[in-house]
PDB file of all heavy atoms in Angstrom:
ATOM      1  N   ILE A   1       0.840  -1.188   0.000  1.00  0.00           N
ATOM      2  CA  ILE A   1      -0.006   0.001   0.009  1.00  0.00           C
ATOM      3  C   ILE A   1       0.877   1.236  -0.020  1.00  0.00           C
ATOM      4  O   ILE A   1       1.571   1.523   0.979  1.00  0.00           O
ATOM      5  CB  ILE A   1      -0.933   0.023   1.224  1.00  0.00           C
ATOM      6  CG1 ILE A   1      -1.723  -1.276   1.306  1.00  0.00           C
ATOM      7  CG2 ILE A   1      -1.888   1.226   1.190  1.00  0.00           C
ATOM      8  CD1 ILE A   1      -2.538  -1.405   2.568  1.00  0.00           C
ATOM      9  N   PRO A   2       0.896   1.990  -1.097  1.00  0.00           N
ATOM     10  CA  PRO A   2       1.723   3.181  -1.123  1.00  0.00           C
ATOM     11  C   PRO A   2       1.221   4.271  -0.167  1.00  0.00           C
ATOM     12  O   PRO A   2       0.015   4.393   0.050  1.00  0.00           O
ATOM     13  CB  PRO A   2       1.642   3.688  -2.577  1.00  0.00           C
ATOM     14  CG  PRO A   2       0.327   3.134  -3.051  1.00  0.00           C
ATOM     15  CD  PRO A   2       0.153   1.807  -2.343  1.00  0.00           C
ATOM     16  N   ASN A   3       2.154   4.975   0.398  1.00  0.00           N
ATOM     17  CA  ASN A   3       1.783   6.095   1.309  1.00  0.00           C
ATOM     18  C   ASN A   3       0.878   5.639   2.422  1.00  0.00           C
ATOM     19  O   ASN A   3      -0.056   6.355   2.838  1.00  0.00           O
ATOM     20  CB  ASN A   3       1.136   7.237   0.526  1.00  0.00           C
ATOM     21  CG  ASN A   3       2.025   7.754  -0.599  1.00  0.00           C
ATOM     22  OD1 ASN A   3       3.206   7.898  -0.452  1.00  0.00           O
ATOM     23  ND2 ASN A   3       1.370   8.009  -1.755  1.00  0.00           N
ATOM     24  N   LEU A   4       1.111   4.430   2.896  1.00  0.00           N
ATOM     25  CA  LEU A   4       0.251   3.915   3.957  1.00  0.00           C
ATOM     26  C   LEU A   4       0.364   4.724   5.250  1.00  0.00           C
ATOM     27  O   LEU A   4       1.407   5.296   5.575  1.00  0.00           O
ATOM     28  CB  LEU A   4       0.572   2.444   4.249  1.00  0.00           C
ATOM     29  CG  LEU A   4       1.895   2.093   4.896  1.00  0.00           C
ATOM     30  CD1 LEU A   4       1.761   2.115   6.409  1.00  0.00           C
ATOM     31  CD2 LEU A   4       2.369   0.723   4.442  1.00  0.00           C
ATOM     32  N   SER A   5      -0.705   4.776   5.964  1.00  0.00           N
ATOM     33  CA  SER A   5      -0.675   5.348   7.322  1.00  0.00           C
ATOM     34  C   SER A   5      -1.731   4.598   8.130  1.00  0.00           C
ATOM     35  O   SER A   5      -2.713   4.131   7.588  1.00  0.00           O
ATOM     36  CB  SER A   5      -0.994   6.849   7.253  1.00  0.00           C
ATOM     37  OG  SER A   5      -2.296   7.097   6.742  1.00  0.00           O
ATOM     38  N   SER A   6      -1.497   4.536   9.410  1.00  0.00           N
ATOM     39  CA  SER A   6      -2.400   3.784  10.263  1.00  0.00           C
ATOM     40  C   SER A   6      -3.530   4.700  10.744  1.00  0.00           C
ATOM     41  O   SER A   6      -3.402   5.929  10.719  1.00  0.00           O
ATOM     42  CB  SER A   6      -1.660   3.186  11.446  1.00  0.00           C
ATOM     43  OG  SER A   6      -1.299   4.230  12.360  1.00  0.00           O
ATOM     44  N   LEU A   7      -4.621   4.075  11.188  1.00  0.00           N
ATOM     45  CA  LEU A   7      -5.703   4.819  11.735  1.00  0.00           C
ATOM     46  C   LEU A   7      -5.254   5.565  13.001  1.00  0.00           C
ATOM     47  O   LEU A   7      -5.663   6.711  13.271  1.00  0.00           O
ATOM     48  CB  LEU A   7      -6.861   3.867  12.125  1.00  0.00           C
ATOM     49  CG  LEU A   7      -8.086   4.475  12.770  1.00  0.00           C
ATOM     50  CD1 LEU A   7      -8.677   5.566  11.946  1.00  0.00           C
ATOM     51  CD2 LEU A   7      -9.125   3.347  13.024  1.00  0.00           C
ATOM     52  N   ARG A   8      -4.318   4.987  13.703  1.00  0.00           N
ATOM     53  CA  ARG A   8      -3.733   5.649  14.869  1.00  0.00           C
ATOM     54  C   ARG A   8      -3.052   6.957  14.472  1.00  0.00           C
ATOM     55  O   ARG A   8      -3.189   7.988  15.114  1.00  0.00           O
ATOM     56  CB  ARG A   8      -2.762   4.724  15.594  1.00  0.00           C
ATOM     57  CG  ARG A   8      -2.129   5.354  16.808  1.00  0.00           C
ATOM     58  CD  ARG A   8      -1.021   4.450  17.398  1.00  0.00           C
ATOM     59  NE  ARG A   8      -0.371   5.099  18.528  1.00  0.00           N
ATOM     60  CZ  ARG A   8      -0.759   4.984  19.798  1.00  0.00           C
ATOM     61  NH1 ARG A   8      -1.800   4.195  20.070  1.00  0.00           N
ATOM     62  NH2 ARG A   8      -0.128   5.607  20.757  1.00  0.00           N
ATOM     63  N   ASP A   9      -2.309   6.894  13.341  1.00  0.00           N
ATOM     64  CA  ASP A   9      -1.615   8.086  12.872  1.00  0.00           C
ATOM     65  C   ASP A   9      -2.614   9.212  12.586  1.00  0.00           C
ATOM     66  O   ASP A   9      -2.356  10.384  12.906  1.00  0.00           O
ATOM     67  CB  ASP A   9      -0.801   7.776  11.613  1.00  0.00           C
ATOM     68  CG  ASP A   9       0.388   6.853  11.861  1.00  0.00           C
ATOM     69  OD1 ASP A   9       0.811   6.781  13.027  1.00  0.00           O
ATOM     70  OD2 ASP A   9       0.800   6.158  10.899  1.00  0.00           O
ATOM     71  N   HIS A  10      -3.734   8.849  11.991  1.00  0.00           N
ATOM     72  CA  HIS A  10      -4.754   9.854  11.630  1.00  0.00           C
ATOM     73  C   HIS A  10      -5.373  10.476  12.870  1.00  0.00           C
ATOM     74  O   HIS A  10      -5.694  11.688  12.874  1.00  0.00           O
ATOM     75  CB  HIS A  10      -5.843   9.242  10.762  1.00  0.00           C
ATOM     76  CG  HIS A  10      -5.487   9.247   9.286  1.00  0.00           C
ATOM     77  ND1 HIS A  10      -4.556   8.412   8.729  1.00  0.00           N
ATOM     78  CD2 HIS A  10      -5.972  10.009   8.279  1.00  0.00           C
ATOM     79  CE1 HIS A  10      -4.477   8.637   7.448  1.00  0.00           C
ATOM     80  NE2 HIS A  10      -5.285   9.612   7.134  1.00  0.00           N
ATOM     81  N   LEU A  11      -5.533   9.691  13.892  1.00  0.00           N
ATOM     82  CA  LEU A  11      -6.203  10.218  15.133  1.00  0.00           C
ATOM     83  C   LEU A  11      -5.250  11.033  15.985  1.00  0.00           C
ATOM     84  O   LEU A  11      -5.683  11.867  16.787  1.00  0.00           O
ATOM     85  CB  LEU A  11      -6.799   9.096  15.939  1.00  0.00           C
ATOM     86  CG  LEU A  11      -8.006   8.390  15.313  1.00  0.00           C
ATOM     87  CD1 LEU A  11      -8.470   7.241  16.215  1.00  0.00           C
ATOM     88  CD2 LEU A  11      -9.162   9.366  15.099  1.00  0.00           C
ATOM     89  N   THR A  12      -3.960  10.808  15.822  1.00  0.00           N
ATOM     90  CA  THR A  12      -2.991  11.547  16.647  1.00  0.00           C
ATOM     91  C   THR A  12      -2.432  12.774  15.961  1.00  0.00           C
ATOM     92  O   THR A  12      -1.886  13.661  16.606  1.00  0.00           O
ATOM     93  CB  THR A  12      -1.811  10.626  17.063  1.00  0.00           C
ATOM     94  OG1 THR A  12      -1.216  10.052  15.867  1.00  0.00           O
ATOM     95  CG2 THR A  12      -2.266   9.518  17.984  1.00  0.00           C
ATOM     96  N   ASP A  13      -2.580  12.844  14.618  1.00  0.00           N
ATOM     97  CA  ASP A  13      -2.109  14.004  13.859  1.00  0.00           C
ATOM     98  C   ASP A  13      -3.230  14.984  13.695  1.00  0.00           C
ATOM     99  O   ASP A  13      -4.291  14.638  13.172  1.00  0.00           O
ATOM    100  CB  ASP A  13      -1.589  13.541  12.482  1.00  0.00           C
ATOM    101  CG  ASP A  13      -0.996  14.691  11.670  1.00  0.00           C
ATOM    102  OD1 ASP A  13      -1.767  15.315  10.934  1.00  0.00           O
ATOM    103  OD2 ASP A  13       0.212  14.966  11.789  1.00  0.00           O
ATOM    104  N   ARG A  14      -3.038  16.226  14.126  1.00  0.00           N
ATOM    105  CA  ARG A  14      -4.097  17.201  14.141  1.00  0.00           C
ATOM    106  C   ARG A  14      -4.691  17.435  12.758  1.00  0.00           C
ATOM    107  O   ARG A  14      -5.905  17.508  12.557  1.00  0.00           O
ATOM    108  CB  ARG A  14      -3.618  18.546  14.719  1.00  0.00           C
ATOM    109  CG  ARG A  14      -4.709  19.595  14.857  1.00  0.00           C
ATOM    110  CD  ARG A  14      -4.118  20.864  15.408  1.00  0.00           C
ATOM    111  NE  ARG A  14      -3.117  21.420  14.536  1.00  0.00           N
ATOM    112  CZ  ARG A  14      -3.387  22.217  13.451  1.00  0.00           C
ATOM    113  NH1 ARG A  14      -4.641  22.484  13.158  1.00  0.00           N
ATOM    114  NH2 ARG A  14      -2.432  22.683  12.713  1.00  0.00           N
ATOM    115  N   ILE A  15      -3.863  17.592  11.719  1.00  0.00           N
ATOM    116  CA  ILE A  15      -4.332  17.899  10.393  1.00  0.00           C
ATOM    117  C   ILE A  15      -5.080  16.702   9.810  1.00  0.00           C
ATOM    118  O   ILE A  15      -6.216  16.827   9.253  1.00  0.00           O
ATOM    119  CB  ILE A  15      -3.158  18.281   9.484  1.00  0.00           C
ATOM    120  CG1 ILE A  15      -2.522  19.549   9.982  1.00  0.00           C
ATOM    121  CG2 ILE A  15      -3.623  18.464   8.047  1.00  0.00           C
ATOM    122  CD1 ILE A  15      -1.284  19.998   9.203  1.00  0.00           C
ATOM    123  N   ARG A  16      -4.508  15.481   9.943  1.00  0.00           N
ATOM    124  CA  ARG A  16      -5.191  14.301   9.445  1.00  0.00           C
ATOM    125  C   ARG A  16      -6.512  14.047  10.176  1.00  0.00           C
ATOM    126  O   ARG A  16      -7.506  13.610   9.590  1.00  0.00           O
ATOM    127  CB  ARG A  16      -4.273  13.076   9.593  1.00  0.00           C
ATOM    128  CG  ARG A  16      -3.107  13.050   8.643  1.00  0.00           C
ATOM    129  CD  ARG A  16      -2.253  11.857   8.897  1.00  0.00           C
ATOM    130  NE  ARG A  16      -1.156  11.708   7.962  1.00  0.00           N
ATOM    131  CZ  ARG A  16      -0.245  10.752   8.011  1.00  0.00           C
ATOM    132  NH1 ARG A  16      -0.320   9.835   8.959  1.00  0.00           N
ATOM    133  NH2 ARG A  16       0.699  10.693   7.085  1.00  0.00           N
ATOM    134  N   ARG A  17      -6.499  14.353  11.458  1.00  0.00           N
ATOM    135  CA  ARG A  17      -7.671  14.137  12.282  1.00  0.00           C
ATOM    136  C   ARG A  17      -8.853  14.928  11.779  1.00  0.00           C
ATOM    137  O   ARG A  17     -10.009  14.506  11.840  1.00  0.00           O
ATOM    138  CB  ARG A  17      -7.352  14.462  13.737  1.00  0.00           C
ATOM    139  CG  ARG A  17      -8.468  14.156  14.746  1.00  0.00           C
ATOM    140  CD  ARG A  17      -7.893  14.301  16.097  1.00  0.00           C
ATOM    141  NE  ARG A  17      -8.859  14.112  17.172  1.00  0.00           N
ATOM    142  CZ  ARG A  17      -8.528  14.026  18.444  1.00  0.00           C
ATOM    143  NH1 ARG A  17      -7.302  14.066  18.827  1.00  0.00           N
ATOM    144  NH2 ARG A  17      -9.486  13.866  19.345  1.00  0.00           N
ATOM    145  N   GLU A  18      -8.562  16.152  11.303  1.00  0.00           N
ATOM    146  CA  GLU A  18      -9.645  17.031  10.825  1.00  0.00           C
ATOM    147  C   GLU A  18     -10.312  16.466   9.567  1.00  0.00           C
ATOM    148  O   GLU A  18     -11.474  16.801   9.309  1.00  0.00           O
ATOM    149  CB  GLU A  18      -9.057  18.412  10.486  1.00  0.00           C
ATOM    150  CG  GLU A  18      -8.653  19.219  11.731  1.00  0.00           C
ATOM    151  CD  GLU A  18      -9.803  19.548  12.627  1.00  0.00           C
ATOM    152  OE1 GLU A  18     -10.902  19.829  12.077  1.00  0.00           O
ATOM    153  OE2 GLU A  18      -9.629  19.554  13.872  1.00  0.00           O
ATOM    154  N   THR A  19      -9.663  15.625   8.876  1.00  0.00           N
ATOM    155  CA  THR A  19     -10.263  14.986   7.655  1.00  0.00           C
ATOM    156  C   THR A  19     -11.223  13.859   8.011  1.00  0.00           C
ATOM    157  O   THR A  19     -12.031  13.463   7.184  1.00  0.00           O
ATOM    158  CB  THR A  19      -9.174  14.447   6.718  1.00  0.00           C
ATOM    159  OG1 THR A  19      -8.522  13.323   7.307  1.00  0.00           O
ATOM    160  CG2 THR A  19      -8.158  15.522   6.352  1.00  0.00           C
ATOM    161  N   LEU A  20     -11.146  13.393   9.270  1.00  0.00           N
ATOM    162  CA  LEU A  20     -11.998  12.254   9.672  1.00  0.00           C
ATOM    163  C   LEU A  20     -13.247  12.792  10.358  1.00  0.00           C
ATOM    164  O   LEU A  20     -13.363  12.766  11.556  1.00  0.00           O
ATOM    165  CB  LEU A  20     -11.213  11.337  10.637  1.00  0.00           C
ATOM    166  CG  LEU A  20      -9.965  10.633  10.047  1.00  0.00           C
ATOM    167  CD1 LEU A  20      -9.338   9.736  11.103  1.00  0.00           C
ATOM    168  CD2 LEU A  20     -10.314   9.852   8.782  1.00  0.00           C
ATOM    169  N   LYS A  21     -14.171  13.269   9.549  1.00  0.00           N
ATOM    170  CA  LYS A  21     -15.459  13.693  10.069  1.00  0.00           C
ATOM    171  C   LYS A  21     -16.283  12.443  10.403  1.00  0.00           C
ATOM    172  O   LYS A  21     -15.898  11.292  10.164  1.00  0.00           O
ATOM    173  CB  LYS A  21     -16.195  14.553   9.039  1.00  0.00           C
ATOM    174  CG  LYS A  21     -15.389  15.806   8.641  1.00  0.00           C
ATOM    175  CD  LYS A  21     -15.028  16.678   9.862  1.00  0.00           C
ATOM    176  CE  LYS A  21     -14.306  17.920   9.454  1.00  0.00           C
ATOM    177  NZ  LYS A  21     -13.877  18.727  10.626  1.00  0.00           N
ATOM    178  N   TRP A  22     -17.483  12.672  10.964  1.00  0.00           N
ATOM    179  CA  TRP A  22     -18.276  11.514  11.381  1.00  0.00           C
ATOM    180  C   TRP A  22     -18.622  10.530  10.239  1.00  0.00           C
ATOM    181  O   TRP A  22     -18.446   9.347  10.407  1.00  0.00           O
ATOM    182  CB  TRP A  22     -19.574  12.013  12.044  1.00  0.00           C
ATOM    183  CG  TRP A  22     -20.407  10.883  12.558  1.00  0.00           C
ATOM    184  CD1 TRP A  22     -21.614  10.446  12.067  1.00  0.00           C
ATOM    185  CD2 TRP A  22     -20.133   9.995  13.645  1.00  0.00           C
ATOM    186  NE1 TRP A  22     -22.089   9.373  12.774  1.00  0.00           N
ATOM    187  CE2 TRP A  22     -21.189   9.085  13.770  1.00  0.00           C
ATOM    188  CE3 TRP A  22     -19.062   9.925  14.544  1.00  0.00           C
ATOM    189  CZ2 TRP A  22     -21.218   8.085  14.724  1.00  0.00           C
ATOM    190  CZ3 TRP A  22     -19.085   8.954  15.526  1.00  0.00           C
ATOM    191  CH2 TRP A  22     -20.167   8.027  15.596  1.00  0.00           C
ATOM    192  N   PRO A  23     -19.033  10.984   9.065  1.00  0.00           N
ATOM    193  CA  PRO A  23     -19.294  10.056   7.978  1.00  0.00           C
ATOM    194  C   PRO A  23     -18.064   9.244   7.579  1.00  0.00           C
ATOM    195  O   PRO A  23     -18.168   8.043   7.319  1.00  0.00           O
ATOM    196  CB  PRO A  23     -19.780  10.930   6.817  1.00  0.00           C
ATOM    197  CG  PRO A  23     -20.328  12.169   7.490  1.00  0.00           C
ATOM    198  CD  PRO A  23     -19.426  12.381   8.695  1.00  0.00           C
ATOM    199  N   GLN A  24     -16.900   9.897   7.575  1.00  0.00           N
ATOM    200  CA  GLN A  24     -15.685   9.182   7.224  1.00  0.00           C
ATOM    201  C   GLN A  24     -15.316   8.138   8.323  1.00  0.00           C
ATOM    202  O   GLN A  24     -14.928   7.021   8.010  1.00  0.00           O
ATOM    203  CB  GLN A  24     -14.499  10.141   7.088  1.00  0.00           C
ATOM    204  CG  GLN A  24     -14.476  10.945   5.807  1.00  0.00           C
ATOM    205  CD  GLN A  24     -15.572  12.012   5.747  1.00  0.00           C
ATOM    206  OE1 GLN A  24     -15.870  12.658   6.769  1.00  0.00           O
ATOM    207  NE2 GLN A  24     -16.137  12.219   4.557  1.00  0.00           N
ATOM    208  N   ARG A  25     -15.579   8.480   9.556  1.00  0.00           N
ATOM    209  CA  ARG A  25     -15.281   7.526  10.654  1.00  0.00           C
ATOM    210  C   ARG A  25     -16.202   6.335  10.613  1.00  0.00           C
ATOM    211  O   ARG A  25     -15.802   5.192  10.881  1.00  0.00           O
ATOM    212  CB  ARG A  25     -15.323   8.238  12.006  1.00  0.00           C
ATOM    213  CG  ARG A  25     -14.277   9.316  12.132  1.00  0.00           C
ATOM    214  CD  ARG A  25     -14.082   9.774  13.545  1.00  0.00           C
ATOM    215  NE  ARG A  25     -13.297  11.033  13.597  1.00  0.00           N
ATOM    216  CZ  ARG A  25     -12.661  11.488  14.643  1.00  0.00           C
ATOM    217  NH1 ARG A  25     -12.750  10.818  15.783  1.00  0.00           N
ATOM    218  NH2 ARG A  25     -12.022  12.645  14.600  1.00  0.00           N
ATOM    219  N   MET A  26     -17.478   6.568  10.227  1.00  0.00           N
ATOM    220  CA  MET A  26     -18.384   5.469  10.108  1.00  0.00           C
ATOM    221  C   MET A  26     -18.017   4.563   8.926  1.00  0.00           C
ATOM    222  O   MET A  26     -18.112   3.362   9.019  1.00  0.00           O
ATOM    223  CB  MET A  26     -19.827   5.982   9.975  1.00  0.00           C
ATOM    224  CG  MET A  26     -20.513   6.363  11.272  1.00  0.00           C
ATOM    225  SD  MET A  26     -20.705   4.968  12.438  1.00  0.00           S
ATOM    226  CE  MET A  26     -19.196   5.130  13.406  1.00  0.00           C
ATOM    227  N   ALA A  27     -17.619   5.195   7.835  1.00  0.00           N
ATOM    228  CA  ALA A  27     -17.215   4.388   6.656  1.00  0.00           C
ATOM    229  C   ALA A  27     -16.002   3.532   7.001  1.00  0.00           C
ATOM    230  O   ALA A  27     -15.908   2.379   6.571  1.00  0.00           O
ATOM    231  CB  ALA A  27     -16.904   5.317   5.501  1.00  0.00           C
ATOM    232  N   ILE A  28     -15.060   4.088   7.736  1.00  0.00           N
ATOM    233  CA  ILE A  28     -13.880   3.319   8.154  1.00  0.00           C
ATOM    234  C   ILE A  28     -14.288   2.185   9.066  1.00  0.00           C
ATOM    235  O   ILE A  28     -13.802   1.066   8.895  1.00  0.00           O
ATOM    236  CB  ILE A  28     -12.867   4.260   8.861  1.00  0.00           C
ATOM    237  CG1 ILE A  28     -12.225   5.212   7.816  1.00  0.00           C
ATOM    238  CG2 ILE A  28     -11.784   3.465   9.565  1.00  0.00           C
ATOM    239  CD1 ILE A  28     -11.419   6.331   8.437  1.00  0.00           C
ATOM    240  N   SER A  29     -15.180   2.455  10.013  1.00  0.00           N
ATOM    241  CA  SER A  29     -15.638   1.423  10.946  1.00  0.00           C
ATOM    242  C   SER A  29     -16.317   0.286  10.213  1.00  0.00           C
ATOM    243  O   SER A  29     -16.112  -0.910  10.502  1.00  0.00           O
ATOM    244  CB  SER A  29     -16.630   2.039  11.961  1.00  0.00           C
ATOM    245  OG  SER A  29     -15.983   3.054  12.717  1.00  0.00           O
ATOM    246  N   ILE A  30     -17.148   0.636   9.230  1.00  0.00           N
ATOM    247  CA  ILE A  30     -17.846  -0.396   8.416  1.00  0.00           C
ATOM    248  C   ILE A  30     -16.814  -1.230   7.654  1.00  0.00           C
ATOM    249  O   ILE A  30     -16.908  -2.461   7.595  1.00  0.00           O
ATOM    250  CB  ILE A  30     -18.858   0.277   7.480  1.00  0.00           C
ATOM    251  CG1 ILE A  30     -19.997   0.829   8.284  1.00  0.00           C
ATOM    252  CG2 ILE A  30     -19.363  -0.736   6.455  1.00  0.00           C
ATOM    253  CD1 ILE A  30     -20.943   1.726   7.483  1.00  0.00           C
ATOM    254  N   GLY A  31     -15.838  -0.583   7.087  1.00  0.00           N
ATOM    255  CA  GLY A  31     -14.795  -1.305   6.356  1.00  0.00           C
ATOM    256  C   GLY A  31     -14.037  -2.284   7.240  1.00  0.00           C
ATOM    257  O   GLY A  31     -13.752  -3.430   6.819  1.00  0.00           O
ATOM    258  N   ILE A  32     -13.667  -1.843   8.445  1.00  0.00           N
ATOM    259  CA  ILE A  32     -12.979  -2.727   9.382  1.00  0.00           C
ATOM    260  C   ILE A  32     -13.843  -3.938   9.695  1.00  0.00           C
ATOM    261  O   ILE A  32     -13.383  -5.080   9.693  1.00  0.00           O
ATOM    262  CB  ILE A  32     -12.631  -1.963  10.659  1.00  0.00           C
ATOM    263  CG1 ILE A  32     -11.665  -0.823  10.373  1.00  0.00           C
ATOM    264  CG2 ILE A  32     -12.024  -2.918  11.699  1.00  0.00           C
ATOM    265  CD1 ILE A  32     -11.469   0.142  11.530  1.00  0.00           C
ATOM    266  N   ALA A  33     -15.149  -3.685   9.957  1.00  0.00           N
ATOM    267  CA  ALA A  33     -16.053  -4.793  10.298  1.00  0.00           C
ATOM    268  C   ALA A  33     -16.186  -5.760   9.117  1.00  0.00           C
ATOM    269  O   ALA A  33     -16.278  -6.959   9.335  1.00  0.00           O
ATOM    270  CB  ALA A  33     -17.424  -4.225  10.689  1.00  0.00           C
ATOM    271  N   ARG A  34     -16.216  -5.259   7.909  1.00  0.00           N
ATOM    272  CA  ARG A  34     -16.299  -6.130   6.747  1.00  0.00           C
ATOM    273  C   ARG A  34     -15.060  -6.989   6.602  1.00  0.00           C
ATOM    274  O   ARG A  34     -15.125  -8.158   6.224  1.00  0.00           O
ATOM    275  CB  ARG A  34     -16.518  -5.282   5.506  1.00  0.00           C
ATOM    276  CG  ARG A  34     -17.959  -4.748   5.329  1.00  0.00           C
ATOM    277  CD  ARG A  34     -18.054  -3.806   4.163  1.00  0.00           C
ATOM    278  NE  ARG A  34     -19.483  -3.409   3.962  1.00  0.00           N
ATOM    279  CZ  ARG A  34     -19.843  -2.355   3.247  1.00  0.00           C
ATOM    280  NH1 ARG A  34     -18.910  -1.593   2.662  1.00  0.00           N
ATOM    281  NH2 ARG A  34     -21.118  -2.080   3.117  1.00  0.00           N
ATOM    282  N   GLY A  35     -13.902  -6.420   6.894  1.00  0.00           N
ATOM    283  CA  GLY A  35     -12.665  -7.190   6.823  1.00  0.00           C
ATOM    284  C   GLY A  35     -12.668  -8.325   7.838  1.00  0.00           C
ATOM    285  O   GLY A  35     -12.294  -9.451   7.558  1.00  0.00           O
ATOM    286  N   ILE A  36     -13.143  -8.020   9.060  1.00  0.00           N
ATOM    287  CA  ILE A  36     -13.208  -9.029  10.087  1.00  0.00           C
ATOM    288  C   ILE A  36     -14.267 -10.089   9.734  1.00  0.00           C
ATOM    289  O   ILE A  36     -14.046 -11.326   9.924  1.00  0.00           O
ATOM    290  CB  ILE A  36     -13.564  -8.399  11.461  1.00  0.00           C
ATOM    291  CG1 ILE A  36     -12.437  -7.433  11.885  1.00  0.00           C
ATOM    292  CG2 ILE A  36     -13.765  -9.454  12.506  1.00  0.00           C
ATOM    293  CD1 ILE A  36     -12.771  -6.543  13.046  1.00  0.00           C
ATOM    294  N   GLN A  37     -15.398  -9.656   9.197  1.00  0.00           N
ATOM    295  CA  GLN A  37     -16.433 -10.602   8.801  1.00  0.00           C
ATOM    296  C   GLN A  37     -15.888 -11.564   7.736  1.00  0.00           C
ATOM    297  O   GLN A  37     -16.160 -12.758   7.803  1.00  0.00           O
ATOM    298  CB  GLN A  37     -17.643  -9.881   8.216  1.00  0.00           C
ATOM    299  CG  GLN A  37     -18.752 -10.787   7.793  1.00  0.00           C
ATOM    300  CD  GLN A  37     -19.895 -10.069   7.089  1.00  0.00           C
ATOM    301  OE1 GLN A  37     -19.611  -9.217   6.218  1.00  0.00           O
ATOM    302  NE2 GLN A  37     -21.096 -10.358   7.404  1.00  0.00           N
ATOM    303  N   PHE A  38     -15.084 -11.068   6.838  1.00  0.00           N
ATOM    304  CA  PHE A  38     -14.486 -11.953   5.832  1.00  0.00           C
ATOM    305  C   PHE A  38     -13.601 -12.994   6.448  1.00  0.00           C
ATOM    306  O   PHE A  38     -13.604 -14.170   6.070  1.00  0.00           O
ATOM    307  CB  PHE A  38     -13.712 -11.110   4.778  1.00  0.00           C
ATOM    308  CG  PHE A  38     -13.009 -11.970   3.769  1.00  0.00           C
ATOM    309  CD1 PHE A  38     -13.694 -12.480   2.674  1.00  0.00           C
ATOM    310  CD2 PHE A  38     -11.641 -12.244   3.886  1.00  0.00           C
ATOM    311  CE1 PHE A  38     -13.035 -13.295   1.751  1.00  0.00           C
ATOM    312  CE2 PHE A  38     -10.995 -13.029   2.971  1.00  0.00           C
ATOM    313  CZ  PHE A  38     -11.688 -13.547   1.860  1.00  0.00           C
ATOM    314  N   LEU A  39     -12.760 -12.566   7.401  1.00  0.00           N
ATOM    315  CA  LEU A  39     -11.875 -13.492   8.077  1.00  0.00           C
ATOM    316  C   LEU A  39     -12.635 -14.570   8.854  1.00  0.00           C
ATOM    317  O   LEU A  39     -12.220 -15.727   8.874  1.00  0.00           O
ATOM    318  CB  LEU A  39     -10.964 -12.759   9.063  1.00  0.00           C
ATOM    319  CG  LEU A  39      -9.879 -11.847   8.426  1.00  0.00           C
ATOM    320  CD1 LEU A  39      -9.191 -10.999   9.474  1.00  0.00           C
ATOM    321  CD2 LEU A  39      -8.850 -12.676   7.633  1.00  0.00           C
ATOM    322  N   HIS A  40     -13.788 -14.153   9.426  1.00  0.00           N
ATOM    323  CA  HIS A  40     -14.576 -15.114  10.213  1.00  0.00           C
ATOM    324  C   HIS A  40     -15.409 -16.076   9.344  1.00  0.00           C
ATOM    325  O   HIS A  40     -15.508 -17.244   9.658  1.00  0.00           O
ATOM    326  CB  HIS A  40     -15.523 -14.361  11.148  1.00  0.00           C
ATOM    327  CG  HIS A  40     -14.806 -13.745  12.327  1.00  0.00           C
ATOM    328  ND1 HIS A  40     -15.479 -13.094  13.331  1.00  0.00           N
ATOM    329  CD2 HIS A  40     -13.495 -13.628  12.600  1.00  0.00           C
ATOM    330  CE1 HIS A  40     -14.628 -12.642  14.224  1.00  0.00           C
ATOM    331  NE2 HIS A  40     -13.380 -12.961  13.786  1.00  0.00           N
TER     332      HIS A  40
END
């Protein structure tokens, strides 16, 4: 994954954090859940 960054990086960096509005955070949460569902 080019230019990868972790979710932790986004939440700890002030500028990146501002890009994570509520809809973006819900979309990320849904994606994580889908990845886990696939593994299960």
